[in-house]
C-alpha atoms as a PDB file:
ATOM      1  CA  MET A   1       3.462   0.552  25.798  1.00  0.00           C
ATOM      2  CA  SER A   2       1.585  -2.147  23.964  1.00  0.00           C
ATOM      3  CA  ILE A   3      -0.355  -1.336  20.844  1.00  0.00           C
ATOM      4  CA  SER A   4      -2.943  -3.628  19.298  1.00  0.00           C
ATOM      5  CA  ILE A   5      -2.361  -5.068  15.842  1.00  0.00           C
ATOM      6  CA  GLU A   6      -5.469  -3.378  14.427  1.00  0.00           C
ATOM      7  CA  ARG A   7      -4.456   0.032  15.763  1.00  0.00           C
ATOM      8  CA  LEU A   8      -0.943  -0.403  14.431  1.00  0.00           C
ATOM      9  CA  ALA A   9      -2.272  -1.400  10.989  1.00  0.00           C
ATOM     10  CA  SER A  10      -4.532   1.655  10.930  1.00  0.00           C
ATOM     11  CA  LEU A  11      -1.704   3.941  12.042  1.00  0.00           C
ATOM     12  CA  ILE A  12       0.664   2.522   9.430  1.00  0.00           C
ATOM     13  CA  GLN A  13      -1.939   2.953   6.678  1.00  0.00           C
ATOM     14  CA  ARG A  14      -2.602   6.565   7.643  1.00  0.00           C
ATOM     15  CA  GLU A  15       1.061   7.537   7.807  1.00  0.00           C
ATOM     16  CA  LEU A  16       2.095   5.579   4.722  1.00  0.00           C
ATOM     17  CA  ALA A  17      -0.578   7.216   2.555  1.00  0.00           C
ATOM     18  CA  ASN A  18       1.361  10.486   2.566  1.00  0.00           C
ATOM     19  CA  ILE A  19       4.830   8.966   2.592  1.00  0.00           C
ATOM     20  CA  VAL A  20       4.221   6.653  -0.376  1.00  0.00           C
ATOM     21  CA  ASN A  21       2.791   9.368  -2.577  1.00  0.00           C
ATOM     22  CA  GLU A  22       5.718  11.653  -1.796  1.00  0.00           C
ATOM     23  CA  GLU A  23       8.246   8.908  -2.615  1.00  0.00           C
ATOM     24  CA  VAL A  24       6.440   7.625  -5.721  1.00  0.00           C
ATOM     25  CA  LYS A  25       6.326  10.865  -7.653  1.00  0.00           C
ATOM     26  CA  ASN A  26       6.040   9.395 -11.125  1.00  0.00           C
ATOM     27  CA  SER A  27       3.815  10.764 -13.858  1.00  0.00           C
ATOM     28  CA  GLN A  28       3.224   7.281 -15.304  1.00  0.00           C
ATOM     29  CA  VAL A  29       2.008   5.803 -12.022  1.00  0.00           C
ATOM     30  CA  GLY A  30       0.077   8.739 -10.568  1.00  0.00           C
ATOM     31  CA  TYR A  31      -1.622   8.523  -7.173  1.00  0.00           C
ATOM     32  CA  VAL A  32      -1.183   5.341  -5.131  1.00  0.00           C
ATOM     33  CA  ASN A  33      -4.165   4.501  -2.920  1.00  0.00           C
ATOM     34  CA  LEU A  34      -3.514   2.242   0.072  1.00  0.00           C
ATOM     35  CA  THR A  35      -6.537   0.001   0.522  1.00  0.00           C
ATOM     36  CA  GLU A  36      -5.504  -2.189   3.448  1.00  0.00           C
ATOM     37  CA  VAL A  37      -2.634  -2.964   5.793  1.00  0.00           C
ATOM     38  CA  LYS A  38      -2.260  -6.361   7.467  1.00  0.00           C
ATOM     39  CA  VAL A  39       0.301  -6.784  10.231  1.00  0.00           C
ATOM     40  CA  THR A  40       1.481 -10.204  11.410  1.00  0.00           C
ATOM     41  CA  LYS A  41       0.892 -11.163  15.043  1.00  0.00           C
ATOM     42  CA  ASP A  42       4.575 -10.879  15.896  1.00  0.00           C
ATOM     43  CA  LEU A  43       4.639  -7.373  14.308  1.00  0.00           C
ATOM     44  CA  SER A  44       7.541  -8.304  12.034  1.00  0.00           C
ATOM     45  CA  TYR A  45       5.817  -7.885   8.647  1.00  0.00           C
ATOM     46  CA  ALA A  46       3.180  -5.558   7.257  1.00  0.00           C
ATOM     47  CA  SER A  47       1.472  -6.344   3.959  1.00  0.00           C
ATOM     48  CA  ILE A  48       0.404  -3.119   2.296  1.00  0.00           C
ATOM     49  CA  PHE A  49      -2.267  -3.501  -0.374  1.00  0.00           C
ATOM     50  CA  TYR A  50      -2.506  -0.676  -2.885  1.00  0.00           C
ATOM     51  CA  THR A  51      -4.318   0.311  -6.076  1.00  0.00           C
ATOM     52  CA  ILE A  52      -3.596   2.850  -8.786  1.00  0.00           C
ATOM     53  CA  LEU A  53      -5.918   4.529 -11.242  1.00  0.00           C
ATOM     54  CA  SER A  54      -4.599   2.676 -14.279  1.00  0.00           C
ATOM     55  CA  ASP A  55      -5.524  -0.907 -15.196  1.00  0.00           C
ATOM     56  CA  GLU A  56      -2.607  -1.254 -17.613  1.00  0.00           C
ATOM     57  CA  GLU A  57      -0.242  -4.067 -16.672  1.00  0.00           C
ATOM     58  CA  GLU A  58       2.932  -2.100 -17.441  1.00  0.00           C
ATOM     59  CA  VAL A  59       1.867   0.793 -15.190  1.00  0.00           C
ATOM     60  CA  ILE A  60       1.057  -1.640 -12.382  1.00  0.00           C
ATOM     61  CA  GLN A  61       4.477  -3.268 -12.820  1.00  0.00           C
ATOM     62  CA  LYS A  62       6.156   0.156 -12.799  1.00  0.00           C
ATOM     63  CA  ALA A  63       4.392   1.051  -9.542  1.00  0.00           C
ATOM     64  CA  GLN A  64       5.462  -2.249  -7.971  1.00  0.00           C
ATOM     65  CA  GLN A  65       9.073  -1.689  -9.045  1.00  0.00           C
ATOM     66  CA  ILE A  66       9.141   1.834  -7.643  1.00  0.00           C
ATOM     67  CA  LEU A  67       7.622   0.725  -4.341  1.00  0.00           C
ATOM     68  CA  GLU A  68      10.033  -2.190  -3.986  1.00  0.00           C
ATOM     69  CA  LYS A  69      12.999   0.023  -4.862  1.00  0.00           C
ATOM     70  CA  ASN A  70      12.026   2.621  -2.245  1.00  0.00           C
ATOM     71  CA  THR A  71      10.864   0.247   0.513  1.00  0.00           C
ATOM     72  CA  SER A  72      13.789   0.941   2.825  1.00  0.00           C
ATOM     73  CA  LYS A  73      13.425   4.709   2.400  1.00  0.00           C
ATOM     74  CA  ILE A  74       9.663   4.483   3.010  1.00  0.00           C
ATOM     75  CA  ARG A  75      10.218   2.314   6.095  1.00  0.00           C
ATOM     76  CA  LYS A  76      12.757   4.787   7.474  1.00  0.00           C
ATOM     77  CA  ARG A  77      10.343   7.693   6.997  1.00  0.00           C
ATOM     78  CA  LEU A  78       7.613   5.622   8.678  1.00  0.00           C
ATOM     79  CA  ALA A  79       9.904   5.030  11.659  1.00  0.00           C
ATOM     80  CA  GLU A  80      10.376   8.787  11.985  1.00  0.00           C
ATOM     81  CA  LYS A  81       6.597   9.291  12.127  1.00  0.00           C
ATOM     82  CA  ILE A  82       5.700   6.358  14.413  1.00  0.00           C
ATOM     83  CA  ARG A  83       7.774   6.437  17.574  1.00  0.00           C
ATOM     84  CA  ASN A  84       5.640   4.473  20.045  1.00  0.00           C
ATOM     85  CA  ILE A  85       6.637   0.987  18.858  1.00  0.00           C
ATOM     86  CA  ARG A  86       9.985  -0.680  19.286  1.00  0.00           C
ATOM     87  CA  LYS A  87      10.441  -2.116  15.796  1.00  0.00           C
ATOM     88  CA  ILE A  88       8.895  -1.001  12.520  1.00  0.00           C
ATOM     89  CA  PRO A  89       7.691  -4.051  10.567  1.00  0.00           C
ATOM     90  CA  GLU A  90       9.162  -5.013   7.196  1.00  0.00           C
ATOM     91  CA  LEU A  91       6.938  -3.603   4.447  1.00  0.00           C
ATOM     92  CA  LEU A  92       5.605  -5.879   1.703  1.00  0.00           C
ATOM     93  CA  PHE A  93       3.742  -4.040  -1.055  1.00  0.00           C
ATOM     94  CA  LYS A  94       1.081  -6.002  -2.927  1.00  0.00           C
ATOM     95  CA  TYR A  95      -1.213  -4.824  -5.692  1.00  0.00           C
ATOM     96  CA  ASP A  96      -4.873  -5.111  -4.637  1.00  0.00           C
ATOM     97  CA  GLU A  97      -6.734  -6.701  -7.516  1.00  0.00           C
ATOM     98  CA  ALA A  98     -10.163  -6.420  -5.855  1.00  0.00           C
ATOM     99  CA  LEU A  99     -10.911  -3.015  -7.396  1.00  0.00           C
ATOM    100  CA  ALA A 100      -9.880  -4.133 -10.883  1.00  0.00           C
ATOM    101  CA  TYR A 101     -11.951  -7.292 -10.500  1.00  0.00           C
ATOM    102  CA  GLY A 102     -14.951  -5.256  -9.346  1.00  0.00           C
ATOM    103  CA  ASN A 103     -14.611  -2.964 -12.383  1.00  0.00           C
ATOM    104  CA  HIS A 104     -14.414  -6.017 -14.646  1.00  0.00           C
ATOM    105  CA  ILE A 105     -17.630  -7.450 -13.158  1.00  0.00           C
ATOM    106  CA  ASP A 106     -19.304  -4.042 -13.514  1.00  0.00           C
ATOM    107  CA  GLN A 107     -18.359  -3.919 -17.217  1.00  0.00           C
ATOM    108  CA  LEU A 108     -19.729  -7.442 -17.722  1.00  0.00           C
ATOM    109  CA  LEU A 109     -23.008  -6.488 -16.097  1.00  0.00           C
ATOM    110  CA  LYS A 110     -23.289  -3.399 -18.290  1.00  0.00           C
ATOM    111  CA  THR A 111     -22.752  -5.472 -21.450  1.00  0.00           C
ATOM    112  CA  ILE A 112     -25.453  -7.930 -20.358  1.00  0.00           C
ATOM    113  CA  LYS A 113     -27.971  -5.108 -20.005  1.00  0.00           C
END
């Protein structure tokens, strides 16, 4: 059964949302929101973009460390949930700076007013 890249990305994002927040139970980091998943054409890698509620650099670094440390465990749990593809892609977690940048622009606009 062939699955399109877009459908696979959407399925991975939906399943990972629960898995990541179960694995990253850390009071410093809090809730991890997955904003986007991009899967390569050969289905070997999936870039997972995430945000957290804090803008502090040390909290962002802590979240990245926890995600990188637990990547294999998260990938294994994802494989248990998604059974209709032959190989689960390697997971690459990346912090999504778009939300932080948008908040920064919003603050600048408020100070101009």
